[in-house]
């Protein structure tokens, strides 16, 4: 049942993103930013951890989880190191994902011919 819930929740997050593009006519960049900020707000309100407990991978894989990770890293490091901890915390928690996105994006650009 965990897999079904994770699939359904992850799918619903994707549906929300698609509806924002189709109905609200937002660009993909706006949708991505909106979903990241939604993750931050839900974490600020203390709801995202409960959401993860319920949905598992359905809540940790989509882009909303990136906002959750940014907020978690910034707050935990800010408590330990002050203002500089906000910046270092953001990169400490999310650096692996950001690095992977850059590396795979570069590799894809070598393999596929861009349209233009």
N, C-alpha and C. Protein backbone atom coordinates (compact mmCIF):
# COMPACT_ATOMS: atom_id res chain seq x y z
N UNK A 1 0.82 -1.20 0.00
CA UNK A 1 0.00 0.00 0.00
C UNK A 1 0.86 1.27 0.00
N UNK A 2 2.07 1.16 0.58
CA UNK A 2 2.98 2.31 0.60
C UNK A 2 3.29 2.78 -0.81
N UNK A 3 3.48 1.84 -1.72
CA UNK A 3 3.82 2.19 -3.10
C UNK A 3 2.66 2.90 -3.79
N UNK A 4 1.46 2.45 -3.52
CA UNK A 4 0.28 3.07 -4.13
C UNK A 4 0.13 4.50 -3.64
N UNK A 5 0.29 4.71 -2.34
CA UNK A 5 0.18 6.06 -1.78
C UNK A 5 1.27 6.96 -2.35
N UNK A 6 2.50 6.45 -2.39
CA UNK A 6 3.61 7.24 -2.93
C UNK A 6 3.36 7.60 -4.39
N UNK A 7 2.89 6.64 -5.17
CA UNK A 7 2.61 6.89 -6.58
C UNK A 7 1.50 7.91 -6.74
N UNK A 8 0.44 7.78 -5.95
CA UNK A 8 -0.70 8.69 -6.05
C UNK A 8 -0.32 10.11 -5.63
N UNK A 9 0.41 10.24 -4.54
CA UNK A 9 0.80 11.58 -4.08
C UNK A 9 1.77 12.23 -5.05
N UNK A 10 2.78 11.49 -5.49
CA UNK A 10 3.72 12.04 -6.47
C UNK A 10 3.00 12.43 -7.75
N UNK A 11 2.06 11.59 -8.17
CA UNK A 11 1.28 11.90 -9.36
C UNK A 11 0.41 13.14 -9.19
N UNK A 12 -0.16 13.30 -8.01
CA UNK A 12 -0.98 14.49 -7.76
C UNK A 12 -0.14 15.77 -7.78
N UNK A 13 1.07 15.69 -7.27
CA UNK A 13 1.95 16.85 -7.33
C UNK A 13 2.25 17.20 -8.79
N UNK A 14 2.47 16.18 -9.60
CA UNK A 14 2.70 16.41 -11.03
C UNK A 14 1.46 16.98 -11.72
N UNK A 15 0.29 16.50 -11.33
CA UNK A 15 -0.96 17.01 -11.89
C UNK A 15 -1.13 18.49 -11.56
N UNK A 16 -0.82 18.85 -10.31
CA UNK A 16 -0.90 20.26 -9.92
C UNK A 16 0.03 21.11 -10.78
N UNK A 17 1.25 20.62 -10.98
CA UNK A 17 2.19 21.34 -11.84
C UNK A 17 1.68 21.48 -13.26
N UNK A 18 1.12 20.41 -13.80
CA UNK A 18 0.59 20.47 -15.17
C UNK A 18 -0.60 21.40 -15.27
N UNK A 19 -1.46 21.38 -14.26
CA UNK A 19 -2.61 22.30 -14.27
C UNK A 19 -2.16 23.75 -14.19
N UNK A 20 -1.12 24.02 -13.42
CA UNK A 20 -0.60 25.38 -13.35
C UNK A 20 -0.11 25.85 -14.72
N UNK A 21 0.47 24.94 -15.49
CA UNK A 21 0.93 25.31 -16.82
C UNK A 21 -0.23 25.43 -17.81
N UNK A 22 -1.19 24.49 -17.75
CA UNK A 22 -2.26 24.48 -18.74
C UNK A 22 -3.37 25.48 -18.45
N UNK A 23 -3.80 25.55 -17.19
CA UNK A 23 -4.93 26.40 -16.85
C UNK A 23 -4.48 27.82 -16.51
N UNK A 24 -3.47 27.93 -15.65
CA UNK A 24 -2.99 29.26 -15.23
C UNK A 24 -2.02 29.86 -16.23
N UNK A 25 -1.60 29.07 -17.23
CA UNK A 25 -0.68 29.51 -18.28
C UNK A 25 0.65 30.00 -17.71
N UNK A 26 1.12 29.33 -16.65
CA UNK A 26 2.43 29.65 -16.09
C UNK A 26 3.51 28.93 -16.88
N UNK A 27 4.68 29.52 -16.95
CA UNK A 27 5.81 28.88 -17.62
C UNK A 27 6.36 27.77 -16.72
N UNK A 28 7.10 26.82 -17.28
CA UNK A 28 7.70 25.78 -16.44
C UNK A 28 8.57 26.34 -15.32
N UNK A 29 9.27 27.43 -15.58
CA UNK A 29 10.10 28.05 -14.54
C UNK A 29 9.25 28.58 -13.40
N UNK A 30 8.11 29.18 -13.72
CA UNK A 30 7.21 29.67 -12.68
C UNK A 30 6.61 28.52 -11.88
N UNK A 31 6.27 27.45 -12.55
CA UNK A 31 5.70 26.29 -11.86
C UNK A 31 6.74 25.68 -10.93
N UNK A 32 7.97 25.54 -11.41
CA UNK A 32 9.03 24.98 -10.58
C UNK A 32 9.25 25.85 -9.35
N UNK A 33 9.32 27.15 -9.54
CA UNK A 33 9.51 28.06 -8.41
C UNK A 33 8.35 27.98 -7.43
N UNK A 34 7.14 27.90 -7.97
CA UNK A 34 5.96 27.80 -7.11
C UNK A 34 5.99 26.53 -6.28
N UNK A 35 6.37 25.41 -6.88
CA UNK A 35 6.41 24.15 -6.14
C UNK A 35 7.53 24.14 -5.10
N UNK A 36 8.67 24.73 -5.42
CA UNK A 36 9.76 24.82 -4.45
C UNK A 36 9.33 25.67 -3.26
N UNK A 37 8.73 26.82 -3.53
CA UNK A 37 8.27 27.70 -2.46
C UNK A 37 7.16 27.03 -1.65
N UNK A 38 6.32 26.25 -2.30
CA UNK A 38 5.28 25.50 -1.58
C UNK A 38 5.92 24.53 -0.59
N UNK A 39 6.98 23.86 -1.00
CA UNK A 39 7.70 22.97 -0.09
C UNK A 39 8.28 23.71 1.10
N UNK A 40 8.83 24.90 0.85
CA UNK A 40 9.38 25.72 1.94
C UNK A 40 8.28 26.13 2.90
N UNK A 41 7.16 26.61 2.37
CA UNK A 41 6.06 27.07 3.22
C UNK A 41 5.49 25.92 4.05
N UNK A 42 5.30 24.77 3.41
CA UNK A 42 4.78 23.61 4.16
C UNK A 42 5.75 23.18 5.26
N UNK A 43 7.05 23.27 5.00
CA UNK A 43 8.03 22.93 6.02
C UNK A 43 8.03 23.97 7.13
N UNK A 44 7.91 25.24 6.78
CA UNK A 44 7.84 26.31 7.76
C UNK A 44 6.65 26.11 8.70
N UNK A 45 5.54 25.67 8.14
CA UNK A 45 4.33 25.43 8.94
C UNK A 45 4.38 24.11 9.70
N UNK A 46 5.44 23.33 9.49
CA UNK A 46 5.59 22.05 10.18
C UNK A 46 4.77 20.93 9.58
N UNK A 47 4.35 21.09 8.33
CA UNK A 47 3.48 20.09 7.71
C UNK A 47 4.23 19.13 6.79
N UNK A 48 5.39 19.53 6.27
CA UNK A 48 6.03 18.70 5.26
C UNK A 48 6.56 17.38 5.84
N UNK A 49 7.08 17.39 7.05
CA UNK A 49 7.54 16.14 7.65
C UNK A 49 6.39 15.16 7.85
N UNK A 50 5.22 15.68 8.22
CA UNK A 50 4.04 14.81 8.34
C UNK A 50 3.62 14.29 6.97
N UNK A 51 3.76 15.14 5.97
CA UNK A 51 3.45 14.76 4.60
C UNK A 51 4.38 13.64 4.14
N UNK A 52 5.67 13.73 4.49
CA UNK A 52 6.63 12.67 4.15
C UNK A 52 6.29 11.38 4.88
N UNK A 53 5.91 11.48 6.15
CA UNK A 53 5.52 10.28 6.89
C UNK A 53 4.34 9.57 6.23
N UNK A 54 3.42 10.34 5.67
CA UNK A 54 2.26 9.75 5.01
C UNK A 54 2.60 9.22 3.62
N UNK A 55 3.29 10.03 2.81
CA UNK A 55 3.45 9.71 1.39
C UNK A 55 4.78 9.06 1.03
N UNK A 56 5.75 9.07 1.91
CA UNK A 56 7.05 8.45 1.62
C UNK A 56 7.71 9.08 0.41
N UNK A 57 8.10 8.25 -0.54
CA UNK A 57 8.79 8.72 -1.74
C UNK A 57 7.92 9.65 -2.58
N UNK A 58 6.63 9.55 -2.45
CA UNK A 58 5.73 10.45 -3.17
C UNK A 58 5.90 11.89 -2.75
N UNK A 59 6.46 12.10 -1.55
CA UNK A 59 6.70 13.46 -1.06
C UNK A 59 8.18 13.83 -1.09
N UNK A 60 9.06 12.84 -1.19
CA UNK A 60 10.49 13.16 -1.16
C UNK A 60 11.12 13.27 -2.54
N UNK A 61 10.48 12.76 -3.56
CA UNK A 61 11.06 12.78 -4.90
C UNK A 61 10.70 14.05 -5.68
N UNK A 62 9.48 14.56 -5.63
CA UNK A 62 9.14 15.74 -6.45
C UNK A 62 9.90 17.00 -6.02
N UNK A 63 9.76 18.04 -6.81
CA UNK A 63 10.47 19.30 -6.61
C UNK A 63 10.08 19.98 -5.30
N UNK A 64 8.91 19.70 -4.76
CA UNK A 64 8.53 20.29 -3.48
C UNK A 64 9.49 19.87 -2.38
N UNK A 65 10.05 18.69 -2.50
CA UNK A 65 11.01 18.21 -1.51
C UNK A 65 12.30 19.00 -1.56
N UNK A 66 12.63 19.57 -2.70
CA UNK A 66 13.82 20.40 -2.81
C UNK A 66 13.66 21.65 -1.94
N UNK A 67 12.48 22.24 -1.96
CA UNK A 67 12.19 23.39 -1.09
C UNK A 67 12.28 23.00 0.37
N UNK A 68 11.75 21.83 0.68
CA UNK A 68 11.83 21.30 2.04
C UNK A 68 13.28 21.13 2.47
N UNK A 69 14.11 20.60 1.61
CA UNK A 69 15.53 20.41 1.92
C UNK A 69 16.25 21.74 2.08
N UNK A 70 15.95 22.70 1.22
CA UNK A 70 16.56 24.02 1.33
C UNK A 70 16.24 24.65 2.69
N UNK A 71 14.99 24.60 3.06
CA UNK A 71 14.57 25.20 4.33
C UNK A 71 15.20 24.48 5.51
N UNK A 72 15.16 23.16 5.48
CA UNK A 72 15.74 22.36 6.58
C UNK A 72 17.22 22.66 6.75
N UNK A 73 17.96 22.68 5.66
CA UNK A 73 19.38 22.96 5.73
C UNK A 73 19.68 24.35 6.23
N UNK A 74 18.94 25.33 5.74
CA UNK A 74 19.17 26.72 6.15
C UNK A 74 18.88 26.92 7.62
N UNK A 75 17.79 26.37 8.10
CA UNK A 75 17.41 26.56 9.51
C UNK A 75 18.36 25.84 10.44
N UNK A 76 18.71 24.60 10.12
CA UNK A 76 19.59 23.86 11.03
C UNK A 76 20.98 24.49 11.13
N UNK A 77 21.51 24.95 10.01
CA UNK A 77 22.83 25.60 10.03
C UNK A 77 22.76 27.00 10.64
N UNK A 78 21.65 27.71 10.44
CA UNK A 78 21.50 29.04 11.03
C UNK A 78 21.48 28.96 12.55
N UNK A 79 20.88 27.91 13.08
CA UNK A 79 20.85 27.73 14.53
C UNK A 79 22.25 27.50 15.09
N UNK A 80 23.11 26.87 14.30
CA UNK A 80 24.46 26.57 14.76
C UNK A 80 25.46 27.68 14.47
N UNK A 81 25.34 28.33 13.29
CA UNK A 81 26.37 29.25 12.84
C UNK A 81 25.88 30.67 12.57
N UNK A 82 24.65 30.96 12.81
CA UNK A 82 24.13 32.31 12.56
C UNK A 82 23.80 32.54 11.10
N UNK A 83 23.92 33.78 10.67
CA UNK A 83 23.52 34.15 9.30
C UNK A 83 24.30 33.42 8.23
N UNK A 84 25.60 33.24 8.42
CA UNK A 84 26.39 32.53 7.41
C UNK A 84 25.90 31.09 7.26
N UNK A 85 25.34 30.55 8.31
CA UNK A 85 24.81 29.19 8.27
C UNK A 85 23.65 29.03 7.32
N UNK A 86 22.92 30.11 7.09
CA UNK A 86 21.79 30.03 6.15
C UNK A 86 22.31 29.67 4.76
N UNK A 87 23.35 30.37 4.32
CA UNK A 87 23.91 30.12 2.99
C UNK A 87 24.58 28.76 2.92
N UNK A 88 25.40 28.45 3.91
CA UNK A 88 26.11 27.17 3.88
C UNK A 88 25.16 26.00 4.04
N UNK A 89 24.11 26.17 4.82
CA UNK A 89 23.14 25.09 5.03
C UNK A 89 22.38 24.74 3.79
N UNK A 90 22.03 25.76 3.01
CA UNK A 90 21.31 25.51 1.76
C UNK A 90 22.15 24.63 0.83
N UNK A 91 23.43 24.97 0.71
CA UNK A 91 24.28 24.22 -0.21
C UNK A 91 24.72 22.89 0.36
N UNK A 92 24.84 22.79 1.67
CA UNK A 92 25.27 21.54 2.29
C UNK A 92 24.27 20.42 2.05
N UNK A 93 23.01 20.73 2.21
CA UNK A 93 21.97 19.70 2.09
C UNK A 93 21.65 19.37 0.64
N UNK A 94 21.73 20.34 -0.24
CA UNK A 94 21.26 20.14 -1.62
C UNK A 94 22.38 20.02 -2.65
N UNK A 95 23.62 20.05 -2.22
CA UNK A 95 24.73 20.08 -3.17
C UNK A 95 24.80 18.83 -4.05
N UNK A 96 24.49 17.68 -3.50
CA UNK A 96 24.55 16.46 -4.32
C UNK A 96 23.52 16.51 -5.45
N UNK A 97 22.31 16.95 -5.15
CA UNK A 97 21.27 17.04 -6.18
C UNK A 97 21.59 18.08 -7.23
N UNK A 98 22.10 19.22 -6.80
CA UNK A 98 22.47 20.28 -7.74
C UNK A 98 23.62 19.82 -8.62
N UNK A 99 24.63 19.19 -8.02
CA UNK A 99 25.77 18.70 -8.79
C UNK A 99 25.35 17.65 -9.81
N UNK A 100 24.47 16.74 -9.41
CA UNK A 100 23.99 15.71 -10.33
C UNK A 100 23.22 16.33 -11.49
N UNK A 101 22.40 17.33 -11.21
CA UNK A 101 21.63 17.98 -12.27
C UNK A 101 22.56 18.66 -13.27
N UNK A 102 23.61 19.30 -12.78
CA UNK A 102 24.57 19.95 -13.68
C UNK A 102 25.31 18.91 -14.52
N UNK A 103 25.79 17.86 -13.86
CA UNK A 103 26.56 16.83 -14.57
C UNK A 103 25.72 16.11 -15.62
N UNK A 104 24.51 15.70 -15.26
CA UNK A 104 23.66 14.99 -16.21
C UNK A 104 23.17 15.92 -17.32
N UNK A 105 22.94 17.18 -17.01
CA UNK A 105 22.58 18.15 -18.04
C UNK A 105 23.70 18.32 -19.05
N UNK A 106 24.94 18.39 -18.55
CA UNK A 106 26.10 18.50 -19.45
C UNK A 106 26.24 17.25 -20.32
N UNK A 107 26.11 16.07 -19.70
CA UNK A 107 26.21 14.82 -20.47
C UNK A 107 25.12 14.74 -21.53
N UNK A 108 23.91 15.16 -21.19
CA UNK A 108 22.82 15.13 -22.15
C UNK A 108 23.10 16.08 -23.31
N UNK A 109 23.73 17.22 -23.02
CA UNK A 109 24.04 18.17 -24.08
C UNK A 109 25.09 17.62 -25.04
N UNK A 110 25.92 16.70 -24.58
CA UNK A 110 26.92 16.08 -25.45
C UNK A 110 26.31 15.01 -26.34
N UNK A 111 25.27 14.35 -25.83
CA UNK A 111 24.67 13.22 -26.55
C UNK A 111 23.60 13.67 -27.54
N UNK A 112 22.78 14.64 -27.16
CA UNK A 112 21.65 15.03 -27.98
C UNK A 112 21.91 16.33 -28.71
N UNK A 113 21.40 16.43 -29.91
CA UNK A 113 21.56 17.64 -30.73
C UNK A 113 20.47 18.63 -30.33
N UNK A 114 20.85 19.87 -29.98
CA UNK A 114 19.84 20.85 -29.59
C UNK A 114 19.03 21.30 -30.80
N UNK A 115 17.77 21.62 -30.53
CA UNK A 115 16.92 22.16 -31.59
C UNK A 115 17.10 23.67 -31.62
N UNK A 116 17.00 24.25 -32.73
CA UNK A 116 17.09 25.70 -32.75
C UNK A 116 17.13 26.21 -34.06
